[in-house]
C-alpha atoms as a PDB file:
ATOM      1  CA  UNK A   1     124.427 -54.302 -64.741  1.00  0.00           C
ATOM      2  CA  UNK A   2     121.184 -53.230 -63.580  1.00  0.00           C
ATOM      3  CA  UNK A   3     120.115 -56.944 -63.397  1.00  0.00           C
ATOM      4  CA  UNK A   4     122.903 -57.691 -61.050  1.00  0.00           C
ATOM      5  CA  UNK A   5     121.945 -54.656 -58.783  1.00  0.00           C
ATOM      6  CA  UNK A   6     118.343 -55.931 -58.671  1.00  0.00           C
ATOM      7  CA  UNK A   7     119.698 -59.348 -57.555  1.00  0.00           C
ATOM      8  CA  UNK A   8     121.812 -57.821 -54.884  1.00  0.00           C
ATOM      9  CA  UNK A   9     118.750 -56.149 -53.184  1.00  0.00           C
ATOM     10  CA  UNK A  10     116.772 -59.247 -53.076  1.00  0.00           C
ATOM     11  CA  UNK A  11     116.404 -60.748 -49.549  1.00  0.00           C
ATOM     12  CA  UNK A  12     115.578 -64.259 -50.702  1.00  0.00           C
ATOM     13  CA  UNK A  13     116.437 -66.422 -53.526  1.00  0.00           C
ATOM     14  CA  UNK A  14     113.999 -66.719 -56.416  1.00  0.00           C
ATOM     15  CA  UNK A  15     113.138 -70.245 -57.241  1.00  0.00           C
ATOM     16  CA  UNK A  16     111.520 -71.324 -60.657  1.00  0.00           C
ATOM     17  CA  UNK A  17     108.051 -72.451 -60.604  1.00  0.00           C
ATOM     18  CA  UNK A  18     105.076 -72.936 -62.804  1.00  0.00           C
ATOM     19  CA  UNK A  19     101.690 -71.964 -61.359  1.00  0.00           C
ATOM     20  CA  UNK A  20      98.575 -70.507 -62.950  1.00  0.00           C
ATOM     21  CA  UNK A  21      96.474 -67.996 -60.775  1.00  0.00           C
ATOM     22  CA  UNK A  22      93.464 -66.450 -61.706  1.00  0.00           C
ATOM     23  CA  UNK A  23      92.846 -62.852 -60.796  1.00  0.00           C
ATOM     24  CA  UNK A  24      89.175 -61.961 -60.321  1.00  0.00           C
ATOM     25  CA  UNK A  25      89.471 -58.683 -58.367  1.00  0.00           C
ATOM     26  CA  UNK A  26      92.025 -56.279 -57.140  1.00  0.00           C
ATOM     27  CA  UNK A  27      91.856 -53.957 -54.266  1.00  0.00           C
ATOM     28  CA  UNK A  28      93.566 -51.036 -52.602  1.00  0.00           C
ATOM     29  CA  UNK A  29      93.323 -49.543 -49.276  1.00  0.00           C
ATOM     30  CA  UNK A  30      90.531 -47.136 -48.517  1.00  0.00           C
ATOM     31  CA  UNK A  31      88.018 -49.754 -49.860  1.00  0.00           C
ATOM     32  CA  UNK A  32      88.891 -49.203 -53.485  1.00  0.00           C
ATOM     33  CA  UNK A  33      88.004 -52.453 -55.308  1.00  0.00           C
ATOM     34  CA  UNK A  34      88.027 -53.396 -59.122  1.00  0.00           C
ATOM     35  CA  UNK A  35      85.925 -56.411 -59.875  1.00  0.00           C
ATOM     36  CA  UNK A  36      85.572 -58.760 -62.807  1.00  0.00           C
ATOM     37  CA  UNK A  37      89.236 -58.571 -63.827  1.00  0.00           C
ATOM     38  CA  UNK A  38      89.174 -62.123 -65.059  1.00  0.00           C
ATOM     39  CA  UNK A  39      92.939 -62.222 -65.589  1.00  0.00           C
ATOM     40  CA  UNK A  40      95.079 -65.323 -65.753  1.00  0.00           C
ATOM     41  CA  UNK A  41      98.613 -64.921 -64.525  1.00  0.00           C
ATOM     42  CA  UNK A  42     101.609 -67.361 -64.943  1.00  0.00           C
ATOM     43  CA  UNK A  43     103.888 -67.431 -61.854  1.00  0.00           C
ATOM     44  CA  UNK A  44     107.438 -68.063 -63.069  1.00  0.00           C
ATOM     45  CA  UNK A  45     109.356 -67.570 -59.723  1.00  0.00           C
ATOM     46  CA  UNK A  46     108.672 -67.512 -56.194  1.00  0.00           C
ATOM     47  CA  UNK A  47     110.731 -66.661 -53.022  1.00  0.00           C
ATOM     48  CA  UNK A  48     109.753 -66.418 -49.353  1.00  0.00           C
ATOM     49  CA  UNK A  49     108.705 -62.875 -49.691  1.00  0.00           C
ATOM     50  CA  UNK A  50     106.730 -62.919 -53.124  1.00  0.00           C
ATOM     51  CA  UNK A  51     106.439 -63.905 -56.627  1.00  0.00           C
ATOM     52  CA  UNK A  52     107.210 -62.925 -60.177  1.00  0.00           C
ATOM     53  CA  UNK A  53     104.415 -63.385 -62.870  1.00  0.00           C
ATOM     54  CA  UNK A  54     103.239 -62.716 -66.445  1.00  0.00           C
ATOM     55  CA  UNK A  55      99.834 -61.531 -67.330  1.00  0.00           C
ATOM     56  CA  UNK A  56      98.293 -60.125 -70.421  1.00  0.00           C
ATOM     57  CA  UNK A  57      96.026 -57.755 -68.348  1.00  0.00           C
ATOM     58  CA  UNK A  58      97.466 -54.567 -67.239  1.00  0.00           C
ATOM     59  CA  UNK A  59      97.196 -54.491 -63.519  1.00  0.00           C
ATOM     60  CA  UNK A  60      97.902 -51.391 -61.340  1.00  0.00           C
ATOM     61  CA  UNK A  61     100.941 -51.275 -59.158  1.00  0.00           C
ATOM     62  CA  UNK A  62     100.036 -50.747 -55.469  1.00  0.00           C
ATOM     63  CA  UNK A  63      97.084 -53.055 -55.578  1.00  0.00           C
ATOM     64  CA  UNK A  64      96.311 -56.269 -53.922  1.00  0.00           C
ATOM     65  CA  UNK A  65      94.844 -59.492 -54.784  1.00  0.00           C
ATOM     66  CA  UNK A  66      94.157 -62.875 -53.055  1.00  0.00           C
ATOM     67  CA  UNK A  67      95.699 -66.076 -54.335  1.00  0.00           C
ATOM     68  CA  UNK A  68      96.105 -69.779 -53.670  1.00  0.00           C
ATOM     69  CA  UNK A  69      99.651 -70.858 -54.203  1.00  0.00           C
ATOM     70  CA  UNK A  70     100.216 -74.624 -54.746  1.00  0.00           C
ATOM     71  CA  UNK A  71     103.761 -75.896 -54.273  1.00  0.00           C
ATOM     72  CA  UNK A  72     102.645 -79.466 -54.926  1.00  0.00           C
ATOM     73  CA  UNK A  73     102.761 -82.678 -52.711  1.00  0.00           C
ATOM     74  CA  UNK A  74     100.117 -81.057 -50.238  1.00  0.00           C
ATOM     75  CA  UNK A  75     101.943 -77.827 -49.683  1.00  0.00           C
ATOM     76  CA  UNK A  76      99.822 -74.732 -50.499  1.00  0.00           C
ATOM     77  CA  UNK A  77      98.858 -71.472 -48.846  1.00  0.00           C
ATOM     78  CA  UNK A  78      96.449 -68.725 -49.215  1.00  0.00           C
ATOM     79  CA  UNK A  79      98.019 -65.397 -49.384  1.00  0.00           C
ATOM     80  CA  UNK A  80      97.396 -61.751 -50.167  1.00  0.00           C
ATOM     81  CA  UNK A  81      99.753 -60.326 -52.646  1.00  0.00           C
ATOM     82  CA  UNK A  82     100.785 -56.748 -53.430  1.00  0.00           C
ATOM     83  CA  UNK A  83     101.793 -55.723 -56.945  1.00  0.00           C
ATOM     84  CA  UNK A  84     104.967 -53.652 -56.515  1.00  0.00           C
ATOM     85  CA  UNK A  85     106.416 -53.195 -60.119  1.00  0.00           C
ATOM     86  CA  UNK A  86     105.534 -53.876 -63.688  1.00  0.00           C
ATOM     87  CA  UNK A  87     107.392 -53.994 -67.037  1.00  0.00           C
ATOM     88  CA  UNK A  88     106.155 -54.394 -70.533  1.00  0.00           C
ATOM     89  CA  UNK A  89     107.291 -57.331 -72.605  1.00  0.00           C
ATOM     90  CA  UNK A  90     106.678 -58.251 -76.294  1.00  0.00           C
ATOM     91  CA  UNK A  91     103.403 -59.506 -77.317  1.00  0.00           C
ATOM     92  CA  UNK A  92     101.360 -57.270 -75.150  1.00  0.00           C
ATOM     93  CA  UNK A  93     102.252 -59.130 -71.810  1.00  0.00           C
ATOM     94  CA  UNK A  94     103.205 -57.537 -68.609  1.00  0.00           C
ATOM     95  CA  UNK A  95     105.923 -58.686 -66.207  1.00  0.00           C
ATOM     96  CA  UNK A  96     104.948 -58.061 -62.449  1.00  0.00           C
ATOM     97  CA  UNK A  97     106.993 -58.383 -59.253  1.00  0.00           C
ATOM     98  CA  UNK A  98     104.657 -58.747 -56.226  1.00  0.00           C
ATOM     99  CA  UNK A  99     105.268 -59.315 -52.507  1.00  0.00           C
ATOM    100  CA  UNK A 100     103.262 -61.540 -50.187  1.00  0.00           C
ATOM    101  CA  UNK A 101     101.504 -59.287 -47.411  1.00  0.00           C
ATOM    102  CA  UNK A 102     101.389 -60.648 -43.818  1.00  0.00           C
ATOM    103  CA  UNK A 103     102.523 -64.101 -44.706  1.00  0.00           C
ATOM    104  CA  UNK A 104     103.018 -66.168 -41.371  1.00  0.00           C
ATOM    105  CA  UNK A 105     106.461 -67.452 -41.052  1.00  0.00           C
ATOM    106  CA  UNK A 106     105.356 -71.139 -41.039  1.00  0.00           C
ATOM    107  CA  UNK A 107     103.754 -70.532 -44.422  1.00  0.00           C
ATOM    108  CA  UNK A 108     106.894 -68.901 -45.850  1.00  0.00           C
ATOM    109  CA  UNK A 109     108.762 -72.110 -44.686  1.00  0.00           C
ATOM    110  CA  UNK A 110     106.760 -74.055 -47.243  1.00  0.00           C
ATOM    111  CA  UNK A 111     108.906 -72.056 -49.857  1.00  0.00           C
ATOM    112  CA  UNK A 112     111.978 -73.309 -48.251  1.00  0.00           C
ATOM    113  CA  UNK A 113     110.733 -76.923 -48.337  1.00  0.00           C
ATOM    114  CA  UNK A 114     109.924 -76.329 -52.036  1.00  0.00           C
ATOM    115  CA  UNK A 115     113.607 -75.191 -52.601  1.00  0.00           C
ATOM    116  CA  UNK A 116     114.907 -78.539 -50.863  1.00  0.00           C
ATOM    117  CA  UNK A 117     112.599 -80.561 -52.933  1.00  0.00           C
ATOM    118  CA  UNK A 118     113.968 -78.807 -56.166  1.00  0.00           C
ATOM    119  CA  UNK A 119     117.527 -79.321 -55.196  1.00  0.00           C
ATOM    120  CA  UNK A 120     116.829 -83.106 -54.443  1.00  0.00           C
ATOM    121  CA  UNK A 121     115.044 -83.269 -57.966  1.00  0.00           C
ATOM    122  CA  UNK A 122     117.969 -81.647 -59.697  1.00  0.00           C
ATOM    123  CA  UNK A 123     120.479 -83.898 -57.904  1.00  0.00           C
ATOM    124  CA  UNK A 124     118.512 -86.915 -59.039  1.00  0.00           C
ATOM    125  CA  UNK A 125     118.781 -86.040 -62.515  1.00  0.00           C
END
């Protein structure tokens, strides 16, 4: 039942995606920076407000990192992402929920365009 509650709280629809991100450093306010993280993250869903990703490296909640999000067909954006939750999965992997910080509306619109592209792709099949 908790899964349904989480879905009800979400402001935007989560869309499936397959993106790989490299996290080299994370930071927090007050100039706290952790460098040389060298972690690969695999993004499995995206919305106008954030991403879900899996990583083998444990990253602290409340920290930020910079990322390049490529939605294909020339749609991409650079963004700052804040880690807001983490759960542990099997095989020593961590599943994260993260939000975009300060993403301009015209960049968030690229996620809507991606959703329309997914719908057209699914209808063509």
